[in-house]
Every structure is written in C-alpha cells, then in structure tokens.
Amino acid sequence: MRRRWHSRRPSSRLGRRTLPAGGASCGAVRIPDGRSHVLGTPVLDGGAAADAPRPLDALERPRLPAEPEAPPSRLGAVLPVKVDDLYDREEEQGLLARILMPRYLRMLEAVQELLQSVFPFLSQEDFRLDDEATRKQLALAAEQVVRIDQSTRDQLRDVLKVGQERGYADHEIANGVPADGYGGLRGLYLETWRGRAETISRTELATAQLAAAKDRYRATGLVSRIQIVENEDTDEPCASMNGKVFPVEQAPGLEHPNCRRGYIPLVDEAA
C-alpha cells in the first residue's frame, strides 16, 4: 500500500538531517531502499546531498520504489501454455503434405509399372492410371497427414497437461523434472519420439504401397483376391494373418506402425 506523502514544509530548526544507516526517510516516510529522500532530494545514508536542494515548489513528488516482481514459482505461468502456442497446425500439415503426397503418387506409378511388366498383354488403353486412381491416392495421403498431425498434437497436449496439473513452471515443462520422472517437451522429442521420423517414413511408404497395390490389382480385371504375406519373425496379431486370403476390397492394411505386411495377387482362374 502506498504511504501518504507529507508535503508540509519542515521546520527550519530541523534543517537537513544526516540519516542513519539502514534505511532512508522521506519526510515522515521511511524507504528501505538503501537511499534516502528529503523532500525529493536524494541523500546517501550518512552522506551529503547528491545535489543542491531546490525550492519546494520546484520539487517533484518522489515515487516509492516499485514492488519487485515475484520470482518464478512451481505454480506455472499465469496463462498456461497451449498446443497452438508450440507450432502452427496449418503450417505443419502443409509441410507433411508436401512430403507425403508426391511419394504416394510415385508409389502408385511404381505399382502400375510393375503390373504392366507382369501382365504385358494388358493394353495401355485398358490398364492406365486415370484421374480417379490419382485422386484416391492423394486423398489417402491427406488423411494420413491429418492422422500424423493429430498424433503429434495429442502427445504434446498430454505432456502439457501433466506438467500443468503438477504445477510445474514453464522451464520445467520445457526441460522436464527428472526427479519426478517427468521428461517434459525435451523428453518427448529426445526419448519418446526418438526414431519417429524413420518410423513415419517406413509406415507411410508401406501404407502407400498397399493402397496402390489394391487399386491397381483391381484395375487389371484379372485379380479379385489377395493373399496376406507376413514375415517369419513377426509377432501377433500379424503372424496369425499370414497366408489368409481376402477379396481385394476387404484386404486389411497395416496392423501397426513399422508393419511389414505384404500382398500376393491371386489371378482368377478364368483369366
């Protein structure tokens, strides 16, 4: 609370006083700032005036020292950090789309070229990449972009939520609190997401390959069924799918990230 400033002229008998150490006085007000003020004229403790006194009517009303800012505490920021404060969602999705979409299209073209070599008797007119196939592949890529981005946001949101519920300060949310087993954002990037870029790359290429294969198998008019192929060292539930046959439209995609599932086209006997 600001104390009242006594602007009454002091008695001439008092004159200027040398103030005792340990504080300062301002008329009837003591200011614990290491300096002293007598009617606005600064006087060092135990010393003389910094400059000559001025007439009273020319003096400005001295200001009390501002309250020091409270140090950061474990109560966190006044306004909690949100996911949108960390990155721009639209920008991130745009970057992902520019990476994934060309590769999805290239995978579609690669499968098309492979099947043309397997079935050389198919005419270029009957078996060709059309706009519909391209749109479907691009639509799938767009869906994957949203899924990857949402996974990123969900994990960021979880880290922020835990940190804020525990009352951590911003720097603790950013760098983690190892003593509490909290990795923070730093731990998310360095530990949880270690190898994530490679996982996303491998998974997305496999997703694009299976989607392109299903579309192009069907386009040949010769394949209506697909046999699932799994690696020998795979675990459940992938191992139980090995060798199973599905109609092309019902063939399951990847079971999980880094899944190595493949398809074998079964040519119709009538063909």
C-alpha atoms as a PDB file:
ATOM      1  CA  MET A   1       0.000   0.000   0.000  1.00  0.00           C
ATOM      2  CA  ARG A   2       1.390   3.414  -0.944  1.00  0.00           C
ATOM      3  CA  ARG A   3       2.009   5.559   2.080  1.00  0.00           C
ATOM      4  CA  ARG A   4       0.923   9.173   2.165  1.00  0.00           C
ATOM      5  CA  TRP A   5       3.452  11.815   1.301  1.00  0.00           C
ATOM      6  CA  HIS A   6       3.622  14.686   3.765  1.00  0.00           C
ATOM      7  CA  SER A   7       4.179  17.785   1.724  1.00  0.00           C
ATOM      8  CA  ARG A   8       4.205  20.169   4.682  1.00  0.00           C
ATOM      9  CA  ARG A   9       7.359  22.254   4.817  1.00  0.00           C
ATOM     10  CA  PRO A  10       9.652  21.030   7.611  1.00  0.00           C
ATOM     11  CA  SER A  11      10.590  23.271  10.460  1.00  0.00           C
ATOM     12  CA  SER A  12      13.600  25.468   9.674  1.00  0.00           C
ATOM     13  CA  ARG A  13      15.054  24.460  13.006  1.00  0.00           C
ATOM     14  CA  LEU A  14      15.473  20.910  11.733  1.00  0.00           C
ATOM     15  CA  GLY A  15      17.294  21.876   8.574  1.00  0.00           C
ATOM     16  CA  ARG A  16      18.772  18.997   6.638  1.00  0.00           C
ATOM     17  CA  ARG A  17      19.483  15.879   8.574  1.00  0.00           C
ATOM     18  CA  THR A  18      22.009  13.173   8.061  1.00  0.00           C
ATOM     19  CA  LEU A  19      20.083   9.937   8.053  1.00  0.00           C
ATOM     20  CA  PRO A  20      21.155   6.874   9.985  1.00  0.00           C
ATOM     21  CA  ALA A  21      22.356   3.812   8.146  1.00  0.00           C
ATOM     22  CA  GLY A  22      19.948   1.004   7.364  1.00  0.00           C
ATOM     23  CA  GLY A  23      17.256   2.978   5.624  1.00  0.00           C
ATOM     24  CA  ALA A  24      16.080   6.334   4.407  1.00  0.00           C
ATOM     25  CA  SER A  25      13.362   8.691   5.377  1.00  0.00           C
ATOM     26  CA  CYS A  26      11.157  10.818   3.229  1.00  0.00           C
ATOM     27  CA  GLY A  27       9.514  13.389   5.467  1.00  0.00           C
ATOM     28  CA  ALA A  28       7.567  11.082   7.749  1.00  0.00           C
ATOM     29  CA  VAL A  29       8.082   8.079   5.418  1.00  0.00           C
ATOM     30  CA  ARG A  30      10.948   5.580   5.659  1.00  0.00           C
ATOM     31  CA  ILE A  31      12.002   3.893   2.418  1.00  0.00           C
ATOM     32  CA  PRO A  32      14.154   0.751   2.821  1.00  0.00           C
ATOM     33  CA  ASP A  33      15.983   1.137  -0.481  1.00  0.00           C
ATOM     34  CA  GLY A  34      19.497   1.992   0.631  1.00  0.00           C
ATOM     35  CA  ARG A  35      18.962   5.643  -0.299  1.00  0.00           C
ATOM     36  CA  SER A  36      17.118   8.485   1.382  1.00  0.00           C
ATOM     37  CA  HIS A  37      14.958  11.290   0.161  1.00  0.00           C
ATOM     38  CA  VAL A  38      14.332  14.577   1.932  1.00  0.00           C
ATOM     39  CA  LEU A  39      11.528  16.304   0.096  1.00  0.00           C
ATOM     40  CA  GLY A  40      12.636  14.726  -3.135  1.00  0.00           C
ATOM     41  CA  THR A  41      16.373  15.407  -2.804  1.00  0.00           C
ATOM     42  CA  PRO A  42      18.342  12.147  -2.650  1.00  0.00           C
ATOM     43  CA  VAL A  43      20.747  11.856   0.269  1.00  0.00           C
ATOM     44  CA  LEU A  44      23.071   8.913   0.694  1.00  0.00           C
ATOM     45  CA  ASP A  45      22.995   7.258   4.099  1.00  0.00           C
ATOM     46  CA  GLY A  46      25.426   9.110   6.282  1.00  0.00           C
ATOM     47  CA  GLY A  47      26.458  11.422   3.414  1.00  0.00           C
ATOM     48  CA  ALA A  48      25.660  14.775   1.875  1.00  0.00           C
ATOM     49  CA  ALA A  49      23.069  15.653  -0.722  1.00  0.00           C
ATOM     50  CA  ALA A  50      23.722  14.453  -4.222  1.00  0.00           C
ATOM     51  CA  ASP A  51      22.992  17.928  -5.482  1.00  0.00           C
ATOM     52  CA  ALA A  52      21.881  21.217  -4.057  1.00  0.00           C
ATOM     53  CA  PRO A  53      18.337  21.485  -2.692  1.00  0.00           C
ATOM     54  CA  ARG A  54      15.728  23.137  -4.855  1.00  0.00           C
ATOM     55  CA  PRO A  55      12.819  25.294  -3.825  1.00  0.00           C
ATOM     56  CA  LEU A  56       9.881  23.320  -2.510  1.00  0.00           C
ATOM     57  CA  ASP A  57       7.517  24.315  -5.289  1.00  0.00           C
ATOM     58  CA  ALA A  58      10.021  23.095  -7.874  1.00  0.00           C
ATOM     59  CA  LEU A  59      10.335  19.653  -6.321  1.00  0.00           C
ATOM     60  CA  GLU A  60       8.561  16.698  -7.845  1.00  0.00           C
ATOM     61  CA  ARG A  61       6.734  14.328  -5.645  1.00  0.00           C
ATOM     62  CA  PRO A  62       9.116  11.412  -5.117  1.00  0.00           C
ATOM     63  CA  ARG A  63       7.954   7.939  -6.051  1.00  0.00           C
ATOM     64  CA  LEU A  64       8.152   4.976  -3.786  1.00  0.00           C
ATOM     65  CA  PRO A  65      10.209   2.095  -5.200  1.00  0.00           C
ATOM     66  CA  ALA A  66       8.220  -0.357  -7.286  1.00  0.00           C
ATOM     67  CA  GLU A  67       7.352  -3.703  -5.789  1.00  0.00           C
ATOM     68  CA  PRO A  68       9.792  -6.365  -7.022  1.00  0.00           C
ATOM     69  CA  GLU A  69       8.387  -8.946  -9.407  1.00  0.00           C
ATOM     70  CA  ALA A  70       7.600 -12.275  -7.853  1.00  0.00           C
ATOM     71  CA  PRO A  71      10.171 -14.936  -8.799  1.00  0.00           C
ATOM     72  CA  PRO A  72       9.025 -17.827 -10.960  1.00  0.00           C
ATOM     73  CA  SER A  73       7.360 -20.499  -8.894  1.00  0.00           C
ATOM     74  CA  ARG A  74       6.111 -24.008  -9.393  1.00  0.00           C
ATOM     75  CA  LEU A  75       2.648 -22.568  -9.854  1.00  0.00           C
ATOM     76  CA  GLY A  76       3.473 -22.223 -13.542  1.00  0.00           C
ATOM     77  CA  ALA A  77       2.701 -19.364 -15.899  1.00  0.00           C
ATOM     78  CA  VAL A  78      -0.239 -17.058 -15.415  1.00  0.00           C
ATOM     79  CA  LEU A  79      -1.564 -18.187 -18.772  1.00  0.00           C
ATOM     80  CA  PRO A  80      -0.971 -21.920 -19.327  1.00  0.00           C
ATOM     81  CA  VAL A  81       0.864 -22.911 -22.480  1.00  0.00           C
ATOM     82  CA  LYS A  82      -1.364 -24.442 -25.137  1.00  0.00           C
ATOM     83  CA  VAL A  83      -0.543 -26.755 -28.019  1.00  0.00           C
ATOM     84  CA  ASP A  84      -1.238 -23.972 -30.505  1.00  0.00           C
ATOM     85  CA  ASP A  85       1.488 -21.909 -28.793  1.00  0.00           C
ATOM     86  CA  LEU A  86       4.077 -24.521 -29.759  1.00  0.00           C
ATOM     87  CA  TYR A  87       3.522 -24.792 -33.504  1.00  0.00           C
ATOM     88  CA  ASP A  88       1.201 -23.776 -36.310  1.00  0.00           C
ATOM     89  CA  ARG A  89      -1.111 -26.642 -37.197  1.00  0.00           C
ATOM     90  CA  GLU A  90      -1.858 -25.440 -40.724  1.00  0.00           C
ATOM     91  CA  GLU A  91       1.820 -24.932 -41.482  1.00  0.00           C
ATOM     92  CA  GLU A  92       2.780 -28.355 -40.123  1.00  0.00           C
ATOM     93  CA  GLN A  93       0.105 -30.117 -42.140  1.00  0.00           C
ATOM     94  CA  GLY A  94       1.232 -28.248 -45.241  1.00  0.00           C
ATOM     95  CA  LEU A  95       4.813 -29.400 -44.744  1.00  0.00           C
ATOM     96  CA  LEU A  96       3.696 -33.001 -44.245  1.00  0.00           C
ATOM     97  CA  ALA A  97       1.505 -32.873 -47.341  1.00  0.00           C
ATOM     98  CA  ARG A  98       4.394 -31.618 -49.472  1.00  0.00           C
ATOM     99  CA  ILE A  99       6.461 -34.579 -48.302  1.00  0.00           C
ATOM    100  CA  LEU A 100       3.871 -37.366 -48.462  1.00  0.00           C
ATOM    101  CA  MET A 101       1.734 -36.586 -51.498  1.00  0.00           C
ATOM    102  CA  PRO A 102       4.472 -36.842 -54.173  1.00  0.00           C
ATOM    103  CA  ARG A 103       5.647 -40.130 -52.655  1.00  0.00           C
ATOM    104  CA  TYR A 104       2.153 -41.586 -52.576  1.00  0.00           C
ATOM    105  CA  LEU A 105       1.769 -40.742 -56.247  1.00  0.00           C
ATOM    106  CA  ARG A 106       5.184 -42.146 -57.101  1.00  0.00           C
ATOM    107  CA  MET A 107       4.292 -45.406 -55.348  1.00  0.00           C
ATOM    108  CA  LEU A 108       1.111 -45.616 -57.414  1.00  0.00           C
ATOM    109  CA  GLU A 109       3.139 -45.158 -60.583  1.00  0.00           C
ATOM    110  CA  ALA A 110       5.675 -47.781 -59.460  1.00  0.00           C
ATOM    111  CA  VAL A 111       2.980 -50.404 -58.853  1.00  0.00           C
ATOM    112  CA  GLN A 112       1.444 -49.564 -62.218  1.00  0.00           C
ATOM    113  CA  GLU A 113       4.776 -50.108 -63.955  1.00  0.00           C
ATOM    114  CA  LEU A 114       5.334 -53.384 -62.089  1.00  0.00           C
ATOM    115  CA  LEU A 115       1.975 -54.812 -63.105  1.00  0.00           C
ATOM    116  CA  GLN A 116       2.488 -53.745 -66.701  1.00  0.00           C
ATOM    117  CA  SER A 117       5.636 -55.865 -66.721  1.00  0.00           C
ATOM    118  CA  VAL A 118       3.831 -58.813 -65.071  1.00  0.00           C
ATOM    119  CA  PHE A 119       0.843 -58.598 -67.419  1.00  0.00           C
ATOM    120  CA  PRO A 120       2.384 -57.337 -70.679  1.00  0.00           C
ATOM    121  CA  PHE A 121      -0.693 -58.352 -72.651  1.00  0.00           C
ATOM    122  CA  LEU A 122      -2.782 -55.649 -70.968  1.00  0.00           C
ATOM    123  CA  SER A 123      -3.362 -52.792 -73.369  1.00  0.00           C
ATOM    124  CA  GLN A 124      -2.246 -49.297 -72.464  1.00  0.00           C
ATOM    125  CA  GLU A 125      -5.785 -48.118 -73.043  1.00  0.00           C
ATOM    126  CA  ASP A 126      -7.434 -50.631 -70.705  1.00  0.00           C
ATOM    127  CA  PHE A 127      -4.810 -50.531 -67.999  1.00  0.00           C
ATOM    128  CA  ARG A 128      -3.689 -46.996 -67.314  1.00  0.00           C
ATOM    129  CA  LEU A 129      -3.539 -44.561 -64.446  1.00  0.00           C
ATOM    130  CA  ASP A 130      -6.609 -42.361 -64.513  1.00  0.00           C
ATOM    131  CA  ASP A 131      -7.627 -39.293 -62.541  1.00  0.00           C
ATOM    132  CA  GLU A 132      -9.810 -41.316 -60.181  1.00  0.00           C
ATOM    133  CA  ALA A 133      -6.916 -43.526 -59.057  1.00  0.00           C
ATOM    134  CA  THR A 134      -4.719 -40.474 -58.562  1.00  0.00           C
ATOM    135  CA  ARG A 135      -7.381 -38.667 -56.547  1.00  0.00           C
ATOM    136  CA  LYS A 136      -7.901 -41.686 -54.294  1.00  0.00           C
ATOM    137  CA  GLN A 137      -4.194 -41.954 -53.573  1.00  0.00           C
ATOM    138  CA  LEU A 138      -3.909 -38.245 -52.832  1.00  0.00           C
ATOM    139  CA  ALA A 139      -6.980 -38.402 -50.604  1.00  0.00           C
ATOM    140  CA  LEU A 140      -5.363 -41.212 -48.619  1.00  0.00           C
ATOM    141  CA  ALA A 141      -2.174 -39.167 -48.266  1.00  0.00           C
ATOM    142  CA  ALA A 142      -4.222 -36.229 -46.973  1.00  0.00           C
ATOM    143  CA  GLU A 143      -5.896 -38.476 -44.397  1.00  0.00           C
ATOM    144  CA  GLN A 144      -2.504 -39.682 -43.217  1.00  0.00           C
ATOM    145  CA  VAL A 145      -1.268 -36.114 -42.875  1.00  0.00           C
ATOM    146  CA  VAL A 146      -4.164 -35.321 -40.539  1.00  0.00           C
ATOM    147  CA  ARG A 147      -3.608 -38.524 -38.540  1.00  0.00           C
ATOM    148  CA  ILE A 148       0.105 -37.870 -38.048  1.00  0.00           C
ATOM    149  CA  ASP A 149      -0.547 -34.269 -37.063  1.00  0.00           C
ATOM    150  CA  GLN A 150      -3.272 -35.290 -34.618  1.00  0.00           C
ATOM    151  CA  SER A 151      -0.983 -37.861 -33.014  1.00  0.00           C
ATOM    152  CA  THR A 152       1.664 -35.159 -32.566  1.00  0.00           C
ATOM    153  CA  ARG A 153      -0.828 -32.755 -31.019  1.00  0.00           C
ATOM    154  CA  ASP A 154      -2.262 -35.387 -28.688  1.00  0.00           C
ATOM    155  CA  GLN A 155       1.161 -36.271 -27.310  1.00  0.00           C
ATOM    156  CA  LEU A 156       2.124 -32.621 -26.890  1.00  0.00           C
ATOM    157  CA  ARG A 157      -1.176 -31.945 -25.145  1.00  0.00           C
ATOM    158  CA  ASP A 158      -0.624 -34.848 -22.740  1.00  0.00           C
ATOM    159  CA  VAL A 159       2.824 -33.552 -21.749  1.00  0.00           C
ATOM    160  CA  LEU A 160       1.482 -30.034 -21.181  1.00  0.00           C
ATOM    161  CA  LYS A 161      -1.492 -31.312 -19.203  1.00  0.00           C
ATOM    162  CA  VAL A 162       0.631 -33.388 -16.830  1.00  0.00           C
ATOM    163  CA  GLY A 163       3.082 -30.527 -16.291  1.00  0.00           C
ATOM    164  CA  GLN A 164       0.351 -28.010 -15.568  1.00  0.00           C
ATOM    165  CA  GLU A 165      -1.543 -30.369 -13.262  1.00  0.00           C
ATOM    166  CA  ARG A 166       1.647 -30.838 -11.241  1.00  0.00           C
ATOM    167  CA  GLY A 167       2.185 -27.088 -11.045  1.00  0.00           C
ATOM    168  CA  TYR A 168       5.473 -27.044 -12.942  1.00  0.00           C
ATOM    169  CA  ALA A 169       6.884 -23.760 -14.202  1.00  0.00           C
ATOM    170  CA  ASP A 170       7.299 -23.202 -17.937  1.00  0.00           C
ATOM    171  CA  HIS A 171      11.012 -24.053 -17.933  1.00  0.00           C
ATOM    172  CA  GLU A 172      10.237 -27.309 -16.112  1.00  0.00           C
ATOM    173  CA  ILE A 173       7.567 -28.234 -18.648  1.00  0.00           C
ATOM    174  CA  ALA A 174      10.060 -27.485 -21.414  1.00  0.00           C
ATOM    175  CA  ASN A 175      13.083 -29.290 -19.932  1.00  0.00           C
ATOM    176  CA  GLY A 176      11.445 -31.848 -17.671  1.00  0.00           C
ATOM    177  CA  VAL A 177      11.781 -32.730 -13.987  1.00  0.00           C
ATOM    178  CA  PRO A 178      13.877 -35.926 -13.895  1.00  0.00           C
ATOM    179  CA  ALA A 179      13.428 -36.338 -10.147  1.00  0.00           C
ATOM    180  CA  ASP A 180       9.677 -36.718 -10.720  1.00  0.00           C
ATOM    181  CA  GLY A 181      10.038 -38.920 -13.776  1.00  0.00           C
ATOM    182  CA  TYR A 182       8.701 -36.112 -15.988  1.00  0.00           C
ATOM    183  CA  GLY A 183      10.556 -35.670 -19.274  1.00  0.00           C
ATOM    184  CA  GLY A 184       8.748 -32.560 -20.443  1.00  0.00           C
ATOM    185  CA  LEU A 185       8.820 -31.417 -24.049  1.00  0.00           C
ATOM    186  CA  ARG A 186      12.538 -32.117 -24.252  1.00  0.00           C
ATOM    187  CA  GLY A 187      11.997 -35.736 -23.258  1.00  0.00           C
ATOM    188  CA  LEU A 188       9.178 -36.056 -25.770  1.00  0.00           C
ATOM    189  CA  TYR A 189      11.479 -35.058 -28.632  1.00  0.00           C
ATOM    190  CA  LEU A 190      14.645 -36.815 -27.457  1.00  0.00           C
ATOM    191  CA  GLU A 191      13.186 -40.001 -25.975  1.00  0.00           C
ATOM    192  CA  THR A 192       9.552 -40.702 -26.883  1.00  0.00           C
ATOM    193  CA  TRP A 193       9.987 -39.554 -30.470  1.00  0.00           C
ATOM    194  CA  ARG A 194      13.449 -40.982 -30.987  1.00  0.00           C
ATOM    195  CA  GLY A 195      13.388 -42.582 -34.430  1.00  0.00           C
ATOM    196  CA  ARG A 196       9.880 -41.250 -35.084  1.00  0.00           C
ATOM    197  CA  ALA A 197      10.810 -39.757 -38.460  1.00  0.00           C
ATOM    198  CA  GLU A 198      12.106 -43.129 -39.650  1.00  0.00           C
ATOM    199  CA  THR A 199       9.003 -44.884 -38.331  1.00  0.00           C
ATOM    200  CA  ILE A 200       6.701 -42.453 -40.104  1.00  0.00           C
ATOM    201  CA  SER A 201       8.665 -42.770 -43.358  1.00  0.00           C
ATOM    202  CA  ARG A 202       8.621 -46.569 -43.324  1.00  0.00           C
ATOM    203  CA  THR A 203       4.961 -46.772 -42.304  1.00  0.00           C
ATOM    204  CA  GLU A 204       3.746 -44.243 -44.840  1.00  0.00           C
ATOM    205  CA  LEU A 205       5.600 -45.848 -47.728  1.00  0.00           C
ATOM    206  CA  ALA A 206       4.129 -49.232 -46.782  1.00  0.00           C
ATOM    207  CA  THR A 207       0.653 -47.712 -46.494  1.00  0.00           C
ATOM    208  CA  ALA A 208       1.012 -46.097 -49.913  1.00  0.00           C
ATOM    209  CA  GLN A 209       2.278 -49.366 -51.415  1.00  0.00           C
ATOM    210  CA  LEU A 210      -0.613 -51.498 -50.126  1.00  0.00           C
ATOM    211  CA  ALA A 211      -3.203 -48.931 -51.166  1.00  0.00           C
ATOM    212  CA  ALA A 212      -1.695 -48.642 -54.639  1.00  0.00           C
ATOM    213  CA  ALA A 213      -1.493 -52.429 -54.976  1.00  0.00           C
ATOM    214  CA  LYS A 214      -5.157 -52.918 -54.108  1.00  0.00           C
ATOM    215  CA  ASP A 215      -6.229 -50.251 -56.579  1.00  0.00           C
ATOM    216  CA  ARG A 216      -4.033 -51.489 -59.420  1.00  0.00           C
ATOM    217  CA  TYR A 217      -4.802 -55.194 -58.855  1.00  0.00           C
ATOM    218  CA  ARG A 218      -8.465 -54.406 -59.179  1.00  0.00           C
ATOM    219  CA  ALA A 219      -7.832 -52.273 -62.269  1.00  0.00           C
ATOM    220  CA  THR A 220      -6.289 -55.198 -64.153  1.00  0.00           C
ATOM    221  CA  GLY A 221      -9.589 -57.033 -64.164  1.00  0.00           C
ATOM    222  CA  LEU A 222      -7.597 -60.208 -63.505  1.00  0.00           C
ATOM    223  CA  VAL A 223      -7.269 -60.150 -59.712  1.00  0.00           C
ATOM    224  CA  SER A 224     -10.182 -60.355 -57.310  1.00  0.00           C
ATOM    225  CA  ARG A 225      -8.407 -61.895 -54.276  1.00  0.00           C
ATOM    226  CA  ILE A 226      -5.272 -61.136 -52.288  1.00  0.00           C
ATOM    227  CA  GLN A 227      -3.179 -63.374 -50.044  1.00  0.00           C
ATOM    228  CA  ILE A 228      -1.587 -61.814 -46.960  1.00  0.00           C
ATOM    229  CA  VAL A 229       2.165 -62.271 -46.515  1.00  0.00           C
ATOM    230  CA  GLU A 230       3.840 -61.752 -43.148  1.00  0.00           C
ATOM    231  CA  ASN A 231       7.485 -62.132 -42.160  1.00  0.00           C
ATOM    232  CA  GLU A 232       8.529 -65.212 -40.203  1.00  0.00           C
ATOM    233  CA  ASP A 233       9.845 -63.183 -37.264  1.00  0.00           C
ATOM    234  CA  THR A 234       6.673 -61.171 -36.795  1.00  0.00           C
ATOM    235  CA  ASP A 235       4.559 -61.255 -33.647  1.00  0.00           C
ATOM    236  CA  GLU A 236       0.852 -61.494 -33.039  1.00  0.00           C
ATOM    237  CA  PRO A 237      -1.552 -60.364 -34.323  1.00  0.00           C
ATOM    238  CA  CYS A 238       0.354 -60.161 -37.621  1.00  0.00           C
ATOM    239  CA  ALA A 239       1.557 -63.778 -37.548  1.00  0.00           C
ATOM    240  CA  SER A 240      -1.999 -65.126 -37.442  1.00  0.00           C
ATOM    241  CA  MET A 241      -2.797 -63.258 -40.685  1.00  0.00           C
ATOM    242  CA  ASN A 242      -0.056 -64.922 -42.699  1.00  0.00           C
ATOM    243  CA  GLY A 243      -1.433 -66.834 -45.680  1.00  0.00           C
ATOM    244  CA  LYS A 244      -5.026 -65.680 -45.289  1.00  0.00           C
ATOM    245  CA  VAL A 245      -6.933 -64.764 -48.431  1.00  0.00           C
ATOM    246  CA  PHE A 246      -9.276 -61.787 -48.772  1.00  0.00           C
ATOM    247  CA  PRO A 247     -11.239 -60.166 -51.560  1.00  0.00           C
ATOM    248  CA  VAL A 248      -9.255 -57.211 -52.871  1.00  0.00           C
ATOM    249  CA  GLU A 249     -11.688 -54.679 -51.423  1.00  0.00           C
ATOM    250  CA  GLN A 250     -11.573 -56.292 -47.960  1.00  0.00           C
ATOM    251  CA  ALA A 251      -7.832 -56.871 -47.650  1.00  0.00           C
ATOM    252  CA  PRO A 252      -6.619 -55.385 -44.351  1.00  0.00           C
ATOM    253  CA  GLY A 253      -3.975 -52.705 -44.332  1.00  0.00           C
ATOM    254  CA  LEU A 254      -1.094 -52.342 -41.901  1.00  0.00           C
ATOM    255  CA  GLU A 255      -1.655 -53.645 -38.391  1.00  0.00           C
ATOM    256  CA  HIS A 256       0.611 -51.120 -36.648  1.00  0.00           C
ATOM    257  CA  PRO A 257       3.481 -48.671 -37.320  1.00  0.00           C
ATOM    258  CA  ASN A 258       6.509 -50.360 -38.928  1.00  0.00           C
ATOM    259  CA  CYS A 259       4.261 -53.244 -40.018  1.00  0.00           C
ATOM    260  CA  ARG A 260       5.793 -55.254 -42.907  1.00  0.00           C
ATOM    261  CA  ARG A 261       2.617 -56.779 -44.284  1.00  0.00           C
ATOM    262  CA  GLY A 262       2.544 -57.578 -47.986  1.00  0.00           C
ATOM    263  CA  TYR A 263       0.086 -58.796 -50.626  1.00  0.00           C
ATOM    264  CA  ILE A 264       0.248 -61.560 -53.221  1.00  0.00           C
ATOM    265  CA  PRO A 265      -2.267 -61.118 -56.059  1.00  0.00           C
ATOM    266  CA  LEU A 266      -4.213 -64.268 -56.890  1.00  0.00           C
ATOM    267  CA  VAL A 267      -5.052 -64.280 -60.579  1.00  0.00           C
ATOM    268  CA  ASP A 268      -8.551 -65.517 -61.324  1.00  0.00           C
ATOM    269  CA  GLU A 269      -8.639 -68.929 -62.985  1.00  0.00           C
ATOM    270  CA  ALA A 270     -10.874 -67.643 -65.766  1.00  0.00           C
ATOM    271  CA  ALA A 271      -8.148 -65.206 -66.678  1.00  0.00           C
END
